[in-house]
Amino acid sequence: MLAAVLIVEDDPSIAELLRAYLERAEFSPIVATTGEHALSLFEAERPTAVILDLNLPGALDGLDVCRSLRRYSDVPIVMLSARDQELDRIFGLEIGADDYVTKPFSPRELIARLKAILRRTQLTPTSATNIEVLGAITWNQERRTATLVDDAVPLTNREFDLLGFLLTHRGKALSRRQLLDGVWGPEWYGDDRTVDVHIRQLRRKFGDSLPIATVWGVGYRLA
């Protein structure tokens, strides 16, 4: 059965272009043209990933859809937008997007990014004991859960994988490039400052329980 990808795009020409490229890549695309339609289709179809335009007609824009999905799902989300300012990209990533692609875009690159995200999020753990513990934090790869003093901490797929990478390399100073290669994959095309956004999110969610130090001129180190 082909993996379903939900395209949320009100421009028919862009939606059709994405549909064609996804089918060529052996995905099963489904299209929503409004935020309300997207949430309804997501509930009905439970797609493997979402390509989400920010500028949507109606009461719900792309940011609203992303927030709604993140309340109950860690489905990979690639945002599409004509907004190319750094603050827009950072905000999109902070509310839960896994990637942010600006228009005009290369459909081939977008599909490559989508595949890279899916490879990272659908890895099968090799051991049922793949668990890392740091003080009050427990990270469980098999269940893809993270807890702080027994309370579940909601994480996006990227945040979860980044936390796991830091935990398994604790004590080491890691450059942004090493973090990108280890978490996003060596085929990552985006801005390496996305690492800073996700580190900031982990610090916010775990507070002092996750002692991530900034190593100036290098990157980050989990003490």
Protein backbone atom coordinates (compact mmCIF):
# COMPACT_ATOMS: atom_id res chain seq x y z
CA MET A 1 0.00 0.00 0.00
CA LEU A 2 1.40 3.40 -0.98
CA ALA A 3 2.11 5.90 1.78
CA ALA A 4 -0.44 8.72 1.76
CA VAL A 5 0.75 12.33 1.75
CA LEU A 6 -1.71 15.13 2.46
CA ILE A 7 -1.15 18.21 0.28
CA VAL A 8 -2.74 21.34 1.79
CA GLU A 9 -2.63 23.90 -1.02
CA ASP A 10 -5.29 26.20 -2.47
CA ASP A 11 -3.41 26.96 -5.71
CA PRO A 12 -4.60 24.28 -8.19
CA SER A 13 -1.45 24.46 -10.32
CA ILE A 14 0.88 23.92 -7.35
CA ALA A 15 -1.33 21.19 -5.92
CA GLU A 16 -1.34 19.38 -9.27
CA LEU A 17 2.44 19.75 -9.61
CA LEU A 18 2.97 18.26 -6.15
CA ARG A 19 0.49 15.49 -6.87
CA ALA A 20 2.36 14.51 -10.05
CA TYR A 21 5.76 14.45 -8.36
CA LEU A 22 4.48 12.52 -5.35
CA GLU A 23 2.88 9.90 -7.59
CA ARG A 24 6.13 9.62 -9.54
CA ALA A 25 7.90 9.03 -6.21
CA GLU A 26 5.35 6.28 -5.43
CA PHE A 27 3.35 8.14 -2.80
CA SER A 28 -0.43 8.37 -2.70
CA PRO A 29 -1.29 12.10 -2.63
CA ILE A 30 -4.54 13.53 -1.28
CA VAL A 31 -5.38 17.23 -1.60
CA ALA A 32 -7.11 19.70 0.71
CA THR A 33 -7.67 23.32 -0.29
CA THR A 34 -8.57 24.84 3.10
CA GLY A 35 -7.45 24.41 6.68
CA GLU A 36 -10.79 22.97 7.72
CA HIS A 37 -10.71 20.50 4.83
CA ALA A 38 -7.15 19.52 5.78
CA LEU A 39 -8.04 18.63 9.37
CA SER A 40 -11.08 16.66 8.22
CA LEU A 41 -9.05 14.71 5.64
CA PHE A 42 -6.27 14.07 8.14
CA GLU A 43 -8.74 12.46 10.56
CA ALA A 44 -10.21 10.32 7.79
CA GLU A 45 -7.03 9.29 5.97
CA ARG A 46 -4.27 9.44 8.62
CA PRO A 47 -1.54 10.29 6.08
CA THR A 48 2.13 9.48 6.52
CA ALA A 49 3.18 13.12 6.00
CA VAL A 50 1.74 16.58 5.32
CA ILE A 51 2.87 19.26 2.85
CA LEU A 52 1.27 22.40 4.22
CA ASP A 53 0.93 25.81 2.59
CA LEU A 54 0.82 28.68 5.06
CA ASN A 55 -1.48 31.01 3.15
CA LEU A 56 -4.86 29.30 3.05
CA PRO A 57 -8.35 30.74 2.52
CA GLY A 58 -10.93 30.51 5.27
CA ALA A 59 -10.74 30.73 9.04
CA LEU A 60 -7.69 28.46 9.47
CA ASP A 61 -4.34 29.24 7.87
CA GLY A 62 -1.38 26.88 7.70
CA LEU A 63 -0.06 27.88 11.11
CA ASP A 64 -3.43 27.09 12.67
CA VAL A 65 -3.46 23.69 10.96
CA CYS A 66 0.07 22.93 12.15
CA ARG A 67 -0.80 23.84 15.74
CA SER A 68 -3.95 21.69 15.62
CA LEU A 69 -2.10 18.66 14.26
CA ARG A 70 0.66 18.98 16.83
CA ARG A 71 -1.85 18.71 19.66
CA TYR A 72 -2.32 15.02 18.91
CA SER A 73 0.05 13.90 16.14
CA ASP A 74 3.77 13.86 15.39
CA VAL A 75 3.19 13.37 11.64
CA PRO A 76 6.04 14.89 9.58
CA ILE A 77 5.03 18.34 8.32
CA VAL A 78 6.77 20.25 5.53
CA MET A 79 5.64 23.87 5.37
CA LEU A 80 5.37 25.71 2.05
CA SER A 81 5.36 29.48 1.97
CA ALA A 82 6.19 32.53 -0.09
CA ARG A 83 7.40 34.11 3.15
CA ASP A 84 11.18 33.76 3.07
CA GLN A 85 12.18 35.85 6.08
CA GLU A 86 14.24 34.11 8.75
CA LEU A 87 11.69 34.91 11.46
CA ASP A 88 8.95 33.22 9.42
CA ARG A 89 11.06 30.07 9.06
CA ILE A 90 11.95 30.05 12.74
CA PHE A 91 8.33 30.54 13.79
CA GLY A 92 7.17 27.71 11.51
CA LEU A 93 9.74 25.35 12.97
CA GLU A 94 8.99 26.42 16.54
CA ILE A 95 5.30 25.55 16.28
CA GLY A 96 6.10 22.06 15.05
CA ALA A 97 7.03 21.91 11.37
CA ASP A 98 9.79 19.46 10.45
CA ASP A 99 10.94 21.52 7.48
CA TYR A 100 10.19 24.84 5.81
CA VAL A 101 10.39 25.34 2.03
CA THR A 102 9.97 28.73 0.37
CA LYS A 103 8.23 29.43 -2.93
CA PRO A 104 9.22 29.22 -5.71
CA PHE A 105 10.60 25.77 -4.98
CA SER A 106 12.04 22.76 -6.74
CA PRO A 107 9.54 19.87 -6.57
CA ARG A 108 12.41 17.38 -6.74
CA GLU A 109 14.14 19.00 -3.78
CA LEU A 110 10.91 19.07 -1.80
CA ILE A 111 10.34 15.36 -2.42
CA ALA A 112 13.96 14.65 -1.45
CA ARG A 113 13.46 16.54 1.80
CA LEU A 114 10.23 14.67 2.48
CA LYS A 115 11.90 11.31 1.91
CA ALA A 116 14.78 12.30 4.20
CA ILE A 117 12.34 13.19 7.00
CA LEU A 118 10.47 9.91 6.57
CA ARG A 119 13.69 7.91 6.65
CA ARG A 120 14.61 9.52 9.96
CA THR A 121 11.18 9.09 11.56
CA GLN A 122 10.44 5.55 10.39
CA LEU A 123 13.64 3.85 11.46
CA THR A 124 12.98 0.56 13.25
CA PRO A 125 14.79 0.30 16.57
CA THR A 126 17.27 -2.58 16.74
CA SER A 127 16.65 -3.23 20.41
CA ALA A 128 13.66 -3.10 22.72
CA THR A 129 15.97 -1.64 25.39
CA ASN A 130 16.98 1.41 23.37
CA ILE A 131 16.42 3.77 26.27
CA GLU A 132 18.50 6.71 27.45
CA VAL A 133 18.18 8.23 30.91
CA LEU A 134 19.56 11.56 32.08
CA GLY A 135 18.45 12.54 35.56
CA ALA A 136 14.68 13.03 35.43
CA ILE A 137 14.58 12.57 31.63
CA THR A 138 13.83 9.22 29.99
CA TRP A 139 14.04 8.83 26.21
CA ASN A 140 12.54 5.65 24.72
CA GLN A 141 13.31 4.98 21.06
CA GLU A 142 10.98 2.01 20.70
CA ARG A 143 7.97 3.91 22.00
CA ARG A 144 9.22 7.24 20.63
CA THR A 145 8.41 8.90 23.93
CA ALA A 146 10.26 11.30 26.19
CA THR A 147 9.32 11.92 29.81
CA LEU A 148 10.36 14.39 32.50
CA VAL A 149 9.73 13.08 36.02
CA ASP A 150 7.23 10.57 34.56
CA ASP A 151 5.31 13.25 32.66
CA ALA A 152 5.23 12.92 28.87
CA VAL A 153 6.90 15.80 27.03
CA PRO A 154 5.36 16.45 23.59
CA LEU A 155 8.11 16.58 20.97
CA THR A 156 8.14 16.88 17.21
CA ASN A 157 9.93 14.13 15.29
CA ARG A 158 13.01 16.34 14.84
CA GLU A 159 13.09 17.30 18.52
CA PHE A 160 12.80 13.66 19.55
CA ASP A 161 15.62 12.55 17.24
CA LEU A 162 17.82 15.49 18.24
CA LEU A 163 17.31 14.71 21.93
CA GLY A 164 18.27 11.09 21.31
CA PHE A 165 21.40 12.10 19.38
CA LEU A 166 22.49 14.46 22.15
CA LEU A 167 21.88 11.82 24.81
CA THR A 168 23.89 9.18 22.98
CA HIS A 169 26.76 11.66 22.46
CA ARG A 170 26.63 13.34 25.85
CA GLY A 171 29.81 15.09 26.90
CA LYS A 172 30.96 15.67 23.33
CA ALA A 173 31.09 19.07 21.64
CA LEU A 174 29.05 18.67 18.45
CA SER A 175 29.10 21.09 15.54
CA ARG A 176 25.91 22.09 13.78
CA ARG A 177 27.09 20.07 10.79
CA GLN A 178 27.51 16.95 12.93
CA LEU A 179 24.03 17.44 14.39
CA LEU A 180 22.52 17.97 10.94
CA ASP A 181 24.23 14.86 9.54
CA GLY A 182 23.22 12.77 12.54
CA VAL A 183 19.61 13.93 12.87
CA TRP A 184 18.52 15.47 9.58
CA GLY A 185 20.79 13.28 7.44
CA PRO A 186 23.76 14.18 5.21
CA GLU A 187 21.39 14.96 2.33
CA TRP A 188 19.85 17.88 4.26
CA TYR A 189 19.51 20.96 2.05
CA GLY A 190 18.40 23.60 4.54
CA ASP A 191 19.87 26.31 6.70
CA ASP A 192 22.06 25.00 9.54
CA ARG A 193 20.44 27.56 11.87
CA THR A 194 17.48 25.20 12.09
CA VAL A 195 19.61 23.40 14.69
CA ASP A 196 19.52 26.51 16.89
CA VAL A 197 15.71 26.61 16.67
CA HIS A 198 15.35 23.00 17.78
CA ILE A 199 17.93 23.35 20.56
CA ARG A 200 15.97 26.35 21.85
CA GLN A 201 12.78 24.28 21.83
CA LEU A 202 14.39 21.44 23.80
CA ARG A 203 15.74 23.90 26.35
CA ARG A 204 12.28 25.43 26.73
CA LYS A 205 10.54 22.08 27.15
CA PHE A 206 13.02 20.46 29.56
CA GLY A 207 14.46 23.49 31.33
CA ASP A 208 17.45 22.94 33.60
CA SER A 209 16.90 19.18 33.49
CA LEU A 210 18.55 19.17 30.05
CA PRO A 211 21.92 20.92 30.43
CA ILE A 212 22.75 21.79 26.82
CA ALA A 213 25.77 24.09 26.73
CA THR A 214 26.61 26.35 23.81
CA VAL A 215 30.19 25.76 22.67
CA TRP A 216 31.13 29.03 21.01
CA GLY A 217 32.59 28.63 17.56
CA VAL A 218 31.62 24.94 17.49
CA GLY A 219 28.04 24.10 18.36
CA TYR A 220 26.52 22.41 21.40
CA ARG A 221 27.34 19.91 24.13
CA LEU A 222 25.05 17.98 26.45
CA ALA A 223 26.77 17.94 29.82
